[in-house]
Amino acid sequence: MKTKKMAVLSAALIIVLCAVVIVGATFALFGKKIDKSVTVTTGDVSISAEFGASPVLYSLVDGVQQKLSGESGNTFYLGGEASLDQDTGVLSLTGIIPGDKAEISLTIKNTSSVAIKYCVAANVTGSLASDAENGVIVNTGIESGTGYSWEEIAVQGEVTVTISVELPKAAEQIADGSCEVDFTIYAGQSNASDEDLETLFGLN
């Protein structure tokens, strides 16, 4: 009888020992340590922007707005003038009258390591900017909705847009005046929302 009991007890001990071995093996598998290193670098957002050599001018000729020949230089049909400072990015229009328009190309290059979104904003100051109905009209070269218009440029890509400043034919303000139009290009990473970019630059 004792022999049978000892046999059963021995069997039970063997089972327990086997269980311990199995548990130990399982623990070793799940507890394995693997070291990984992660290298982090940041991308950059940078652009360059440059106006064309000189603006193209338009004036009324026999009541119809026409492009003036290159011989007119920076002078409108009736003597107003347009001048561009390449260093400051300021296009100055002086003594223009209704129907006068200055048009110039603007090339924007993405020199970043990532794709970007950009928008062009214009700030007009001076007496010809004070009257919403009779003041100048500015076109920043990209379709504008209710706010700012953001467009994408691929890595190392570039775009050329045509911007213009015009005192419309219908304007009644013809007294001697002047204005300055300052163009600013904003750029950010392309996967940001328009709203995020406008918040970043304080545009909203």
N, C-alpha and C. Protein backbone atom coordinates (compact mmCIF):
# COMPACT_ATOMS: atom_id res chain seq x y z
N MET A 1 0.83 -1.19 0.00
CA MET A 1 0.00 0.00 0.00
C MET A 1 0.87 1.24 0.00
N LYS A 2 1.93 1.26 0.93
CA LYS A 2 2.83 2.39 0.98
C LYS A 2 3.54 2.58 -0.35
N THR A 3 3.85 1.48 -0.96
CA THR A 3 4.55 1.58 -2.24
C THR A 3 3.70 2.26 -3.29
N LYS A 4 2.43 1.92 -3.32
CA LYS A 4 1.51 2.54 -4.28
C LYS A 4 1.39 4.03 -4.01
N LYS A 5 1.28 4.41 -2.69
CA LYS A 5 1.14 5.83 -2.35
C LYS A 5 2.39 6.59 -2.77
N MET A 6 3.53 6.02 -2.52
CA MET A 6 4.77 6.67 -2.89
C MET A 6 4.89 6.83 -4.40
N ALA A 7 4.38 5.87 -5.08
CA ALA A 7 4.40 5.94 -6.55
C ALA A 7 3.53 7.08 -7.03
N VAL A 8 2.37 7.22 -6.44
CA VAL A 8 1.46 8.31 -6.82
C VAL A 8 2.08 9.65 -6.47
N LEU A 9 2.69 9.76 -5.28
CA LEU A 9 3.31 11.00 -4.85
C LEU A 9 4.48 11.37 -5.76
N SER A 10 5.24 10.37 -6.10
CA SER A 10 6.37 10.61 -7.00
C SER A 10 5.89 11.12 -8.35
N ALA A 11 4.81 10.53 -8.82
CA ALA A 11 4.24 10.97 -10.10
C ALA A 11 3.79 12.41 -10.01
N ALA A 12 3.17 12.74 -8.86
CA ALA A 12 2.70 14.12 -8.68
C ALA A 12 3.88 15.08 -8.66
N LEU A 13 4.96 14.72 -8.02
CA LEU A 13 6.13 15.58 -7.95
C LEU A 13 6.76 15.77 -9.33
N ILE A 14 6.76 14.69 -10.06
CA ILE A 14 7.30 14.78 -11.43
C ILE A 14 6.48 15.75 -12.27
N ILE A 15 5.18 15.69 -12.13
CA ILE A 15 4.31 16.60 -12.89
C ILE A 15 4.58 18.05 -12.49
N VAL A 16 4.71 18.27 -11.20
CA VAL A 16 4.99 19.63 -10.73
C VAL A 16 6.32 20.13 -11.27
N LEU A 17 7.32 19.31 -11.21
CA LEU A 17 8.62 19.71 -11.73
C LEU A 17 8.57 20.01 -13.23
N CYS A 18 7.85 19.20 -13.93
CA CYS A 18 7.69 19.45 -15.37
C CYS A 18 7.00 20.78 -15.62
N ALA A 19 6.00 21.07 -14.79
CA ALA A 19 5.26 22.32 -14.93
C ALA A 19 6.19 23.51 -14.69
N VAL A 20 7.05 23.37 -13.70
CA VAL A 20 8.00 24.44 -13.40
C VAL A 20 8.94 24.67 -14.58
N VAL A 21 9.38 23.61 -15.16
CA VAL A 21 10.28 23.73 -16.31
C VAL A 21 9.58 24.43 -17.48
N ILE A 22 8.34 24.06 -17.71
CA ILE A 22 7.58 24.67 -18.82
C ILE A 22 7.37 26.16 -18.57
N VAL A 23 6.97 26.49 -17.34
CA VAL A 23 6.75 27.89 -17.00
C VAL A 23 8.05 28.68 -17.15
N GLY A 24 9.11 28.07 -16.70
CA GLY A 24 10.39 28.74 -16.83
C GLY A 24 10.78 28.99 -18.27
N ALA A 25 10.53 28.06 -19.12
CA ALA A 25 10.85 28.22 -20.54
C ALA A 25 9.99 29.30 -21.18
N THR A 26 8.72 29.31 -20.83
CA THR A 26 7.80 30.33 -21.37
C THR A 26 8.24 31.72 -20.94
N PHE A 27 8.59 31.88 -19.70
CA PHE A 27 9.02 33.17 -19.17
C PHE A 27 10.27 33.67 -19.90
N ALA A 28 11.16 32.76 -20.19
CA ALA A 28 12.39 33.15 -20.88
C ALA A 28 12.11 33.67 -22.27
N LEU A 29 11.14 33.08 -22.98
CA LEU A 29 10.79 33.54 -24.33
C LEU A 29 10.21 34.94 -24.31
N PHE A 30 9.27 35.19 -23.40
CA PHE A 30 8.60 36.47 -23.37
C PHE A 30 9.43 37.56 -22.70
N GLY A 31 10.43 37.19 -22.00
CA GLY A 31 11.23 38.18 -21.30
C GLY A 31 12.50 38.55 -22.04
N LYS A 32 12.65 38.17 -23.28
CA LYS A 32 13.86 38.46 -24.03
C LYS A 32 14.01 39.96 -24.26
N LYS A 33 15.18 40.51 -24.08
CA LYS A 33 15.44 41.93 -24.23
C LYS A 33 16.08 42.22 -25.57
N ILE A 34 15.52 43.15 -26.30
CA ILE A 34 16.08 43.55 -27.60
C ILE A 34 16.27 45.06 -27.58
N ASP A 35 17.47 45.52 -27.81
CA ASP A 35 17.76 46.95 -27.83
C ASP A 35 17.65 47.48 -29.25
N LYS A 36 16.96 48.62 -29.38
CA LYS A 36 16.83 49.29 -30.67
C LYS A 36 17.26 50.74 -30.51
N SER A 37 17.87 51.31 -31.52
CA SER A 37 18.20 52.74 -31.49
C SER A 37 17.45 53.43 -32.62
N VAL A 38 16.95 54.62 -32.35
CA VAL A 38 16.20 55.40 -33.33
C VAL A 38 16.92 56.72 -33.56
N THR A 39 17.24 57.01 -34.80
CA THR A 39 17.89 58.27 -35.14
C THR A 39 16.83 59.25 -35.62
N VAL A 40 16.81 60.44 -35.06
CA VAL A 40 15.80 61.44 -35.39
C VAL A 40 16.47 62.67 -35.99
N THR A 41 16.02 63.08 -37.18
CA THR A 41 16.44 64.35 -37.76
C THR A 41 15.18 65.09 -38.20
N THR A 42 15.24 66.38 -38.24
CA THR A 42 14.08 67.17 -38.63
C THR A 42 14.23 67.66 -40.06
N GLY A 43 13.09 67.78 -40.74
CA GLY A 43 13.10 68.39 -42.06
C GLY A 43 13.12 69.90 -41.92
N ASP A 44 13.30 70.59 -43.02
CA ASP A 44 13.31 72.04 -42.96
C ASP A 44 12.34 72.59 -43.99
N VAL A 45 11.87 73.80 -43.75
CA VAL A 45 11.00 74.50 -44.70
C VAL A 45 11.70 75.80 -45.06
N SER A 46 12.06 75.93 -46.33
CA SER A 46 12.71 77.16 -46.78
C SER A 46 12.34 77.40 -48.24
N ILE A 47 12.22 78.67 -48.60
CA ILE A 47 11.87 79.05 -49.96
C ILE A 47 12.71 80.25 -50.39
N SER A 48 12.74 80.48 -51.68
CA SER A 48 13.28 81.72 -52.21
C SER A 48 12.25 82.29 -53.18
N ALA A 49 12.21 83.60 -53.29
CA ALA A 49 11.24 84.24 -54.16
C ALA A 49 11.89 85.42 -54.87
N GLU A 50 11.58 85.56 -56.13
CA GLU A 50 12.21 86.63 -56.91
C GLU A 50 11.24 87.15 -57.95
N PHE A 51 11.14 88.48 -58.02
CA PHE A 51 10.33 89.12 -59.06
C PHE A 51 11.04 89.02 -60.41
N GLY A 52 10.27 89.17 -61.47
CA GLY A 52 10.85 89.28 -62.80
C GLY A 52 11.63 90.57 -62.93
N ALA A 53 12.27 90.76 -64.04
CA ALA A 53 13.17 91.90 -64.21
C ALA A 53 12.46 93.24 -64.08
N SER A 54 11.27 93.35 -64.66
CA SER A 54 10.55 94.61 -64.60
C SER A 54 9.06 94.35 -64.85
N PRO A 55 8.20 95.24 -64.37
CA PRO A 55 6.77 95.05 -64.57
C PRO A 55 6.34 95.34 -66.01
N VAL A 56 5.28 94.67 -66.42
CA VAL A 56 4.63 94.96 -67.70
C VAL A 56 3.49 95.92 -67.41
N LEU A 57 3.40 96.99 -68.19
CA LEU A 57 2.43 98.04 -67.91
C LEU A 57 1.28 98.04 -68.91
N TYR A 58 0.11 98.40 -68.41
CA TYR A 58 -1.10 98.54 -69.22
C TYR A 58 -1.70 99.91 -68.94
N SER A 59 -2.30 100.51 -69.96
CA SER A 59 -3.02 101.78 -69.80
C SER A 59 -4.17 101.82 -70.79
N LEU A 60 -5.07 102.77 -70.57
CA LEU A 60 -6.17 102.97 -71.52
C LEU A 60 -5.64 103.66 -72.78
N VAL A 61 -5.99 103.09 -73.92
CA VAL A 61 -5.69 103.70 -75.21
C VAL A 61 -7.01 103.73 -75.97
N ASP A 62 -7.52 104.93 -76.24
CA ASP A 62 -8.85 105.09 -76.85
C ASP A 62 -9.91 104.37 -76.04
N GLY A 63 -9.79 104.45 -74.71
CA GLY A 63 -10.79 103.90 -73.82
C GLY A 63 -10.69 102.41 -73.56
N VAL A 64 -9.71 101.74 -74.18
CA VAL A 64 -9.53 100.29 -74.02
C VAL A 64 -8.18 100.02 -73.37
N GLN A 65 -8.16 99.18 -72.32
CA GLN A 65 -6.89 98.88 -71.65
C GLN A 65 -6.02 98.02 -72.56
N GLN A 66 -4.80 98.50 -72.79
CA GLN A 66 -3.89 97.79 -73.67
C GLN A 66 -2.51 97.68 -73.03
N LYS A 67 -1.79 96.63 -73.43
CA LYS A 67 -0.42 96.44 -72.98
C LYS A 67 0.48 97.43 -73.69
N LEU A 68 1.31 98.13 -72.92
CA LEU A 68 2.21 99.12 -73.51
C LEU A 68 3.48 98.44 -74.01
N SER A 69 4.08 99.04 -74.99
CA SER A 69 5.30 98.47 -75.54
C SER A 69 6.45 98.61 -74.55
N GLY A 70 7.49 97.82 -74.73
CA GLY A 70 8.66 97.88 -73.86
C GLY A 70 9.35 99.23 -73.88
N GLU A 71 9.10 100.02 -74.94
CA GLU A 71 9.75 101.32 -75.06
C GLU A 71 9.25 102.30 -74.00
N SER A 72 8.10 102.00 -73.41
CA SER A 72 7.55 102.91 -72.41
C SER A 72 8.30 102.82 -71.09
N GLY A 73 9.12 101.76 -70.94
CA GLY A 73 9.88 101.60 -69.71
C GLY A 73 8.96 101.40 -68.52
N ASN A 74 9.15 102.19 -67.49
CA ASN A 74 8.32 102.10 -66.29
C ASN A 74 7.29 103.22 -66.22
N THR A 75 6.95 103.77 -67.38
CA THR A 75 6.03 104.91 -67.42
C THR A 75 4.72 104.50 -68.08
N PHE A 76 3.60 104.82 -67.40
CA PHE A 76 2.28 104.56 -67.97
C PHE A 76 1.99 105.56 -69.08
N TYR A 77 0.88 105.34 -69.77
CA TYR A 77 0.55 106.10 -70.98
C TYR A 77 0.49 107.60 -70.74
N LEU A 78 -0.07 107.99 -69.58
CA LEU A 78 -0.18 109.42 -69.29
C LEU A 78 0.78 109.89 -68.20
N GLY A 79 1.87 109.16 -68.00
CA GLY A 79 2.95 109.69 -67.18
C GLY A 79 3.13 109.11 -65.79
N GLY A 80 2.20 108.31 -65.31
CA GLY A 80 2.42 107.66 -64.02
C GLY A 80 3.60 106.70 -64.11
N GLU A 81 4.11 106.31 -62.96
CA GLU A 81 5.31 105.47 -62.97
C GLU A 81 5.15 104.25 -62.06
N ALA A 82 5.86 103.18 -62.46
CA ALA A 82 5.93 101.95 -61.65
C ALA A 82 7.40 101.62 -61.44
N SER A 83 7.79 101.36 -60.19
CA SER A 83 9.18 101.00 -59.93
C SER A 83 9.22 99.84 -58.95
N LEU A 84 10.19 98.96 -59.15
CA LEU A 84 10.33 97.76 -58.33
C LEU A 84 11.68 97.76 -57.64
N ASP A 85 11.65 97.56 -56.32
CA ASP A 85 12.88 97.41 -55.55
C ASP A 85 13.08 95.92 -55.29
N GLN A 86 14.01 95.30 -56.00
CA GLN A 86 14.23 93.86 -55.89
C GLN A 86 14.70 93.47 -54.48
N ASP A 87 15.41 94.36 -53.82
CA ASP A 87 15.95 94.03 -52.50
C ASP A 87 14.87 93.97 -51.43
N THR A 88 13.94 94.90 -51.46
CA THR A 88 12.89 94.95 -50.44
C THR A 88 11.60 94.26 -50.87
N GLY A 89 11.45 93.99 -52.17
CA GLY A 89 10.22 93.37 -52.66
C GLY A 89 9.06 94.32 -52.68
N VAL A 90 9.31 95.61 -52.82
CA VAL A 90 8.25 96.62 -52.85
C VAL A 90 8.06 97.12 -54.28
N LEU A 91 6.83 97.06 -54.76
CA LEU A 91 6.45 97.60 -56.06
C LEU A 91 5.74 98.93 -55.80
N SER A 92 6.32 100.03 -56.27
CA SER A 92 5.75 101.36 -56.03
C SER A 92 5.08 101.89 -57.30
N LEU A 93 3.85 102.35 -57.15
CA LEU A 93 3.12 102.95 -58.27
C LEU A 93 2.81 104.40 -57.89
N THR A 94 3.18 105.33 -58.76
CA THR A 94 3.01 106.75 -58.46
C THR A 94 2.29 107.46 -59.61
N GLY A 95 1.30 108.27 -59.24
CA GLY A 95 0.61 109.09 -60.24
C GLY A 95 -0.19 108.30 -61.25
N ILE A 96 -0.65 107.09 -60.90
CA ILE A 96 -1.42 106.31 -61.86
C ILE A 96 -2.85 106.84 -61.91
N ILE A 97 -3.51 106.55 -63.01
CA ILE A 97 -4.90 106.98 -63.20
C ILE A 97 -5.73 105.76 -63.58
N PRO A 98 -7.07 105.89 -63.54
CA PRO A 98 -7.92 104.75 -63.87
C PRO A 98 -7.54 104.12 -65.21
N GLY A 99 -7.44 102.78 -65.19
CA GLY A 99 -7.06 102.03 -66.38
C GLY A 99 -5.61 101.61 -66.39
N ASP A 100 -4.80 102.18 -65.50
CA ASP A 100 -3.39 101.80 -65.41
C ASP A 100 -3.25 100.50 -64.61
N LYS A 101 -2.35 99.65 -65.07
CA LYS A 101 -2.13 98.35 -64.43
C LYS A 101 -0.67 97.94 -64.57
N ALA A 102 -0.09 97.42 -63.50
CA ALA A 102 1.27 96.89 -63.53
C ALA A 102 1.20 95.39 -63.25
N GLU A 103 1.88 94.62 -64.07
CA GLU A 103 1.86 93.15 -63.98
C GLU A 103 3.30 92.65 -63.94
N ILE A 104 3.58 91.71 -63.03
CA ILE A 104 4.95 91.23 -62.91
C ILE A 104 4.95 89.76 -62.49
N SER A 105 5.97 89.02 -62.94
CA SER A 105 6.07 87.60 -62.57
C SER A 105 6.78 87.46 -61.24
N LEU A 106 6.41 86.43 -60.51
CA LEU A 106 7.03 86.12 -59.22
C LEU A 106 7.34 84.62 -59.21
N THR A 107 8.62 84.28 -59.11
CA THR A 107 9.04 82.88 -59.08
C THR A 107 9.36 82.47 -57.65
N ILE A 108 8.70 81.40 -57.20
CA ILE A 108 8.89 80.90 -55.84
C ILE A 108 9.50 79.50 -55.94
N LYS A 109 10.63 79.30 -55.28
CA LYS A 109 11.33 78.02 -55.31
C LYS A 109 11.28 77.36 -53.94
N ASN A 110 10.99 76.06 -53.94
CA ASN A 110 11.02 75.29 -52.70
C ASN A 110 12.42 74.73 -52.52
N THR A 111 13.19 75.30 -51.61
CA THR A 111 14.54 74.83 -51.34
C THR A 111 14.58 73.93 -50.11
N SER A 112 13.41 73.42 -49.71
CA SER A 112 13.30 72.59 -48.52
C SER A 112 13.60 71.13 -48.82
N SER A 113 13.66 70.35 -47.75
CA SER A 113 13.79 68.89 -47.88
C SER A 113 12.42 68.22 -47.86
N VAL A 114 11.35 69.02 -47.78
CA VAL A 114 9.98 68.48 -47.75
C VAL A 114 9.11 69.29 -48.70
N ALA A 115 7.98 68.72 -49.08
CA ALA A 115 7.00 69.45 -49.88
C ALA A 115 6.39 70.55 -49.01
N ILE A 116 6.01 71.65 -49.65
CA ILE A 116 5.48 72.78 -48.89
C ILE A 116 4.15 73.26 -49.47
N LYS A 117 3.44 74.02 -48.67
CA LYS A 117 2.32 74.83 -49.12
C LYS A 117 2.73 76.29 -49.00
N TYR A 118 2.28 77.11 -49.94
CA TYR A 118 2.61 78.53 -49.86
C TYR A 118 1.39 79.36 -50.19
N CYS A 119 1.41 80.59 -49.75
CA CYS A 119 0.41 81.56 -50.21
C CYS A 119 1.09 82.92 -50.34
N VAL A 120 0.53 83.77 -51.17
CA VAL A 120 1.06 85.11 -51.38
C VAL A 120 0.04 86.10 -50.84
N ALA A 121 0.49 86.99 -49.98
CA ALA A 121 -0.39 88.02 -49.42
C ALA A 121 0.13 89.38 -49.84
N ALA A 122 -0.77 90.34 -50.02
CA ALA A 122 -0.38 91.68 -50.43
C ALA A 122 -0.91 92.70 -49.42
N ASN A 123 -0.05 93.61 -49.04
CA ASN A 123 -0.45 94.70 -48.16
C ASN A 123 -0.29 96.01 -48.92
N VAL A 124 -1.40 96.75 -49.06
CA VAL A 124 -1.40 97.98 -49.84
C VAL A 124 -1.52 99.17 -48.88
N THR A 125 -0.61 100.12 -49.02
CA THR A 125 -0.67 101.32 -48.20
C THR A 125 -0.59 102.55 -49.10
N GLY A 126 -1.12 103.67 -48.61
CA GLY A 126 -1.09 104.90 -49.38
C GLY A 126 -2.49 105.37 -49.72
N SER A 127 -2.57 106.55 -50.31
CA SER A 127 -3.87 107.17 -50.57
C SER A 127 -4.73 106.37 -51.54
N LEU A 128 -4.10 105.63 -52.46
CA LEU A 128 -4.88 104.87 -53.43
C LEU A 128 -5.38 103.54 -52.85
N ALA A 129 -5.03 103.25 -51.61
CA ALA A 129 -5.52 102.04 -50.96
C ALA A 129 -6.66 102.32 -50.01
N SER A 130 -6.93 103.59 -49.75
CA SER A 130 -7.88 103.95 -48.70
C SER A 130 -9.33 103.81 -49.12
N ASP A 131 -9.60 103.85 -50.40
CA ASP A 131 -10.97 103.81 -50.90
C ASP A 131 -11.24 102.43 -51.50
N ALA A 132 -12.09 101.65 -50.85
CA ALA A 132 -12.35 100.28 -51.30
C ALA A 132 -12.97 100.26 -52.69
N GLU A 133 -13.76 101.26 -53.02
CA GLU A 133 -14.45 101.29 -54.32
C GLU A 133 -13.57 101.85 -55.42
N ASN A 134 -12.77 102.85 -55.09
CA ASN A 134 -11.99 103.53 -56.11
C ASN A 134 -10.48 103.31 -55.97
N GLY A 135 -10.08 102.48 -55.03
CA GLY A 135 -8.66 102.21 -54.83
C GLY A 135 -8.14 101.13 -55.76
N VAL A 136 -6.91 100.71 -55.53
CA VAL A 136 -6.28 99.73 -56.41
C VAL A 136 -6.82 98.33 -56.14
N ILE A 137 -6.73 97.50 -57.18
CA ILE A 137 -7.08 96.08 -57.08
C ILE A 137 -5.80 95.27 -57.24
N VAL A 138 -5.58 94.35 -56.31
CA VAL A 138 -4.35 93.54 -56.32
C VAL A 138 -4.71 92.09 -56.58
N ASN A 139 -4.00 91.46 -57.51
CA ASN A 139 -4.15 90.04 -57.79
C ASN A 139 -2.83 89.36 -57.45
N THR A 140 -2.88 88.39 -56.52
CA THR A 140 -1.64 87.75 -56.08
C THR A 140 -1.23 86.56 -56.94
N GLY A 141 -1.94 86.32 -58.02
CA GLY A 141 -1.50 85.31 -58.98
C GLY A 141 -2.03 83.91 -58.76
N ILE A 142 -2.67 83.66 -57.62
CA ILE A 142 -3.31 82.37 -57.39
C ILE A 142 -4.74 82.63 -56.97
N GLU A 143 -5.61 81.73 -57.37
CA GLU A 143 -7.03 81.92 -57.14
C GLU A 143 -7.30 82.11 -55.65
N SER A 144 -8.03 83.15 -55.34
CA SER A 144 -8.29 83.47 -53.94
C SER A 144 -9.76 83.24 -53.62
N GLY A 145 -10.00 82.61 -52.47
CA GLY A 145 -11.37 82.39 -52.02
C GLY A 145 -11.74 83.47 -51.02
N THR A 146 -12.37 83.05 -49.92
CA THR A 146 -12.77 84.03 -48.91
C THR A 146 -11.59 84.47 -48.05
N GLY A 147 -10.53 83.67 -48.04
CA GLY A 147 -9.36 84.02 -47.24
C GLY A 147 -8.10 83.86 -48.04
N TYR A 148 -7.11 83.21 -47.45
CA TYR A 148 -5.85 82.98 -48.14
C TYR A 148 -5.94 81.71 -48.99
N SER A 149 -5.17 81.69 -50.07
CA SER A 149 -5.19 80.54 -50.97
C SER A 149 -3.83 79.85 -50.91
N TRP A 150 -3.83 78.58 -50.48
CA TRP A 150 -2.59 77.82 -50.31
C TRP A 150 -2.42 76.82 -51.45
N GLU A 151 -1.23 76.79 -52.01
CA GLU A 151 -0.90 75.87 -53.10
C GLU A 151 0.36 75.09 -52.72
N GLU A 152 0.52 73.90 -53.32
CA GLU A 152 1.64 73.03 -52.95
C GLU A 152 2.77 73.12 -53.97
N ILE A 153 4.01 73.01 -53.46
CA ILE A 153 5.20 72.91 -54.32
C ILE A 153 5.98 71.69 -53.86
N ALA A 154 6.31 70.81 -54.79
CA ALA A 154 7.05 69.59 -54.46
C ALA A 154 8.46 69.93 -53.99
N VAL A 155 9.14 68.92 -53.44
CA VAL A 155 10.52 69.10 -52.99
C VAL A 155 11.39 69.59 -54.15
N GLN A 156 12.10 70.68 -53.91
CA GLN A 156 13.00 71.28 -54.90
C GLN A 156 12.26 71.77 -56.15
N GLY A 157 10.95 71.90 -56.06
CA GLY A 157 10.17 72.40 -57.19
C GLY A 157 10.07 73.91 -57.18
N GLU A 158 9.44 74.47 -58.19
CA GLU A 158 9.23 75.91 -58.26
C GLU A 158 7.97 76.23 -59.05
N VAL A 159 7.41 77.39 -58.79
CA VAL A 159 6.24 77.87 -59.53
C VAL A 159 6.48 79.33 -59.88
N THR A 160 5.88 79.75 -60.96
CA THR A 160 5.91 81.16 -61.34
C THR A 160 4.48 81.64 -61.48
N VAL A 161 4.15 82.69 -60.76
CA VAL A 161 2.82 83.27 -60.82
C VAL A 161 2.94 84.70 -61.33
N THR A 162 1.85 85.21 -61.85
CA THR A 162 1.82 86.59 -62.32
C THR A 162 0.93 87.39 -61.39
N ILE A 163 1.50 88.41 -60.79
CA ILE A 163 0.73 89.26 -59.88
C ILE A 163 0.52 90.61 -60.54
N SER A 164 -0.51 91.31 -60.12
CA SER A 164 -0.80 92.59 -60.75
C SER A 164 -1.42 93.57 -59.75
N VAL A 165 -1.23 94.84 -60.06
CA VAL A 165 -1.82 95.94 -59.30
C VAL A 165 -2.47 96.87 -60.32
N GLU A 166 -3.72 97.20 -60.09
CA GLU A 166 -4.47 97.96 -61.10
C GLU A 166 -5.38 98.99 -60.44
N LEU A 167 -5.44 100.18 -61.02
CA LEU A 167 -6.47 101.15 -60.66
C LEU A 167 -7.54 101.01 -61.74
N PRO A 168 -8.68 100.42 -61.40
CA PRO A 168 -9.66 100.06 -62.44
C PRO A 168 -10.23 101.27 -63.19
N LYS A 169 -10.67 100.99 -64.39
CA LYS A 169 -11.23 102.02 -65.26
C LYS A 169 -12.42 102.71 -64.61
N ALA A 170 -13.17 101.98 -63.82
CA ALA A 170 -14.38 102.53 -63.20
C ALA A 170 -14.08 103.43 -62.00
N ALA A 171 -12.85 103.45 -61.53
CA ALA A 171 -12.50 104.25 -60.36
C ALA A 171 -12.69 105.73 -60.65
N GLU A 172 -13.24 106.46 -59.69
CA GLU A 172 -13.47 107.89 -59.86
C GLU A 172 -12.38 108.72 -59.23
N GLN A 173 -11.50 108.09 -58.45
CA GLN A 173 -10.44 108.81 -57.76
C GLN A 173 -9.28 109.03 -58.73
N ILE A 174 -9.16 110.25 -59.23
CA ILE A 174 -8.12 110.54 -60.21
C ILE A 174 -7.14 111.61 -59.72
N ALA A 175 -7.35 112.10 -58.47
CA ALA A 175 -6.41 113.09 -57.94
C ALA A 175 -5.04 112.45 -57.76
N ASP A 176 -4.01 113.30 -57.75
CA ASP A 176 -2.64 112.80 -57.60
C ASP A 176 -2.52 112.00 -56.32
N GLY A 177 -1.97 110.80 -56.42
CA GLY A 177 -1.83 109.93 -55.26
C GLY A 177 -0.79 108.87 -55.51
N SER A 178 -0.52 108.05 -54.51
CA SER A 178 0.46 106.99 -54.67
C SER A 178 0.11 105.84 -53.74
N CYS A 179 0.74 104.72 -53.98
CA CYS A 179 0.55 103.57 -53.10
C CYS A 179 1.77 102.69 -53.14
N GLU A 180 1.92 101.88 -52.12
CA GLU A 180 2.96 100.86 -52.08
C GLU A 180 2.30 99.52 -51.85
N VAL A 181 2.73 98.51 -52.61
CA VAL A 181 2.20 97.16 -52.46
C VAL A 181 3.34 96.26 -52.02
N ASP A 182 3.21 95.70 -50.82
CA ASP A 182 4.24 94.83 -50.26
C ASP A 182 3.74 93.39 -50.31
N PHE A 183 4.41 92.55 -51.07
CA PHE A 183 4.02 91.15 -51.22
C PHE A 183 4.80 90.27 -50.24
N THR A 184 4.09 89.41 -49.51
CA THR A 184 4.72 88.49 -48.57
C THR A 184 4.34 87.07 -48.95
N ILE A 185 5.33 86.18 -48.99
CA ILE A 185 5.08 84.76 -49.28
C ILE A 185 5.23 83.97 -47.99
N TYR A 186 4.19 83.24 -47.63
CA TYR A 186 4.21 82.38 -46.45
C TYR A 186 4.32 80.92 -46.92
N ALA A 187 5.10 80.12 -46.19
CA ALA A 187 5.27 78.71 -46.57
C ALA A 187 5.35 77.84 -45.33
N GLY A 188 4.77 76.64 -45.43
CA GLY A 188 4.83 75.68 -44.34
C GLY A 188 4.76 74.27 -44.92
N GLN A 189 4.92 73.28 -44.05
CA GLN A 189 4.91 71.89 -44.51
C GLN A 189 3.58 71.56 -45.17
N SER A 190 3.62 70.77 -46.23
CA SER A 190 2.44 70.58 -47.07
C SER A 190 1.33 69.76 -46.41
N ASN A 191 1.66 68.98 -45.39
CA ASN A 191 0.62 68.15 -44.76
C ASN A 191 -0.08 68.85 -43.62
N ALA A 192 0.23 70.12 -43.41
CA ALA A 192 -0.51 70.92 -42.43
C ALA A 192 -1.79 71.43 -43.07
N SER A 193 -2.82 71.65 -42.27
CA SER A 193 -4.06 72.20 -42.80
C SER A 193 -3.88 73.70 -43.06
N ASP A 194 -4.71 74.24 -43.93
CA ASP A 194 -4.66 75.67 -44.20
C ASP A 194 -4.88 76.46 -42.92
N GLU A 195 -5.81 75.99 -42.09
CA GLU A 195 -6.13 76.69 -40.85
C GLU A 195 -4.94 76.70 -39.91
N ASP A 196 -4.22 75.56 -39.83
CA ASP A 196 -3.04 75.49 -38.97
C ASP A 196 -1.96 76.48 -39.43
N LEU A 197 -1.76 76.57 -40.73
CA LEU A 197 -0.75 77.48 -41.25
C LEU A 197 -1.14 78.94 -41.00
N GLU A 198 -2.40 79.25 -41.18
CA GLU A 198 -2.85 80.63 -40.94
C GLU A 198 -2.72 80.99 -39.47
N THR A 199 -2.94 80.02 -38.60
CA THR A 199 -2.74 80.27 -37.16
C THR A 199 -1.26 80.46 -36.86
N LEU A 200 -0.41 79.64 -37.48
CA LEU A 200 1.03 79.73 -37.28
C LEU A 200 1.54 81.12 -37.62
N PHE A 201 1.07 81.68 -38.74
CA PHE A 201 1.57 82.96 -39.21
C PHE A 201 0.72 84.15 -38.72
N GLY A 202 -0.29 83.86 -37.91
CA GLY A 202 -1.14 84.94 -37.38
C GLY A 202 -2.01 85.58 -38.44
N LEU A 203 -2.46 84.80 -39.41
CA LEU A 203 -3.26 85.33 -40.51
C LEU A 203 -4.76 85.25 -40.26
N ASN A 204 -5.16 84.58 -39.19
CA ASN A 204 -6.60 84.47 -38.92
C ASN A 204 -6.98 85.17 -37.63
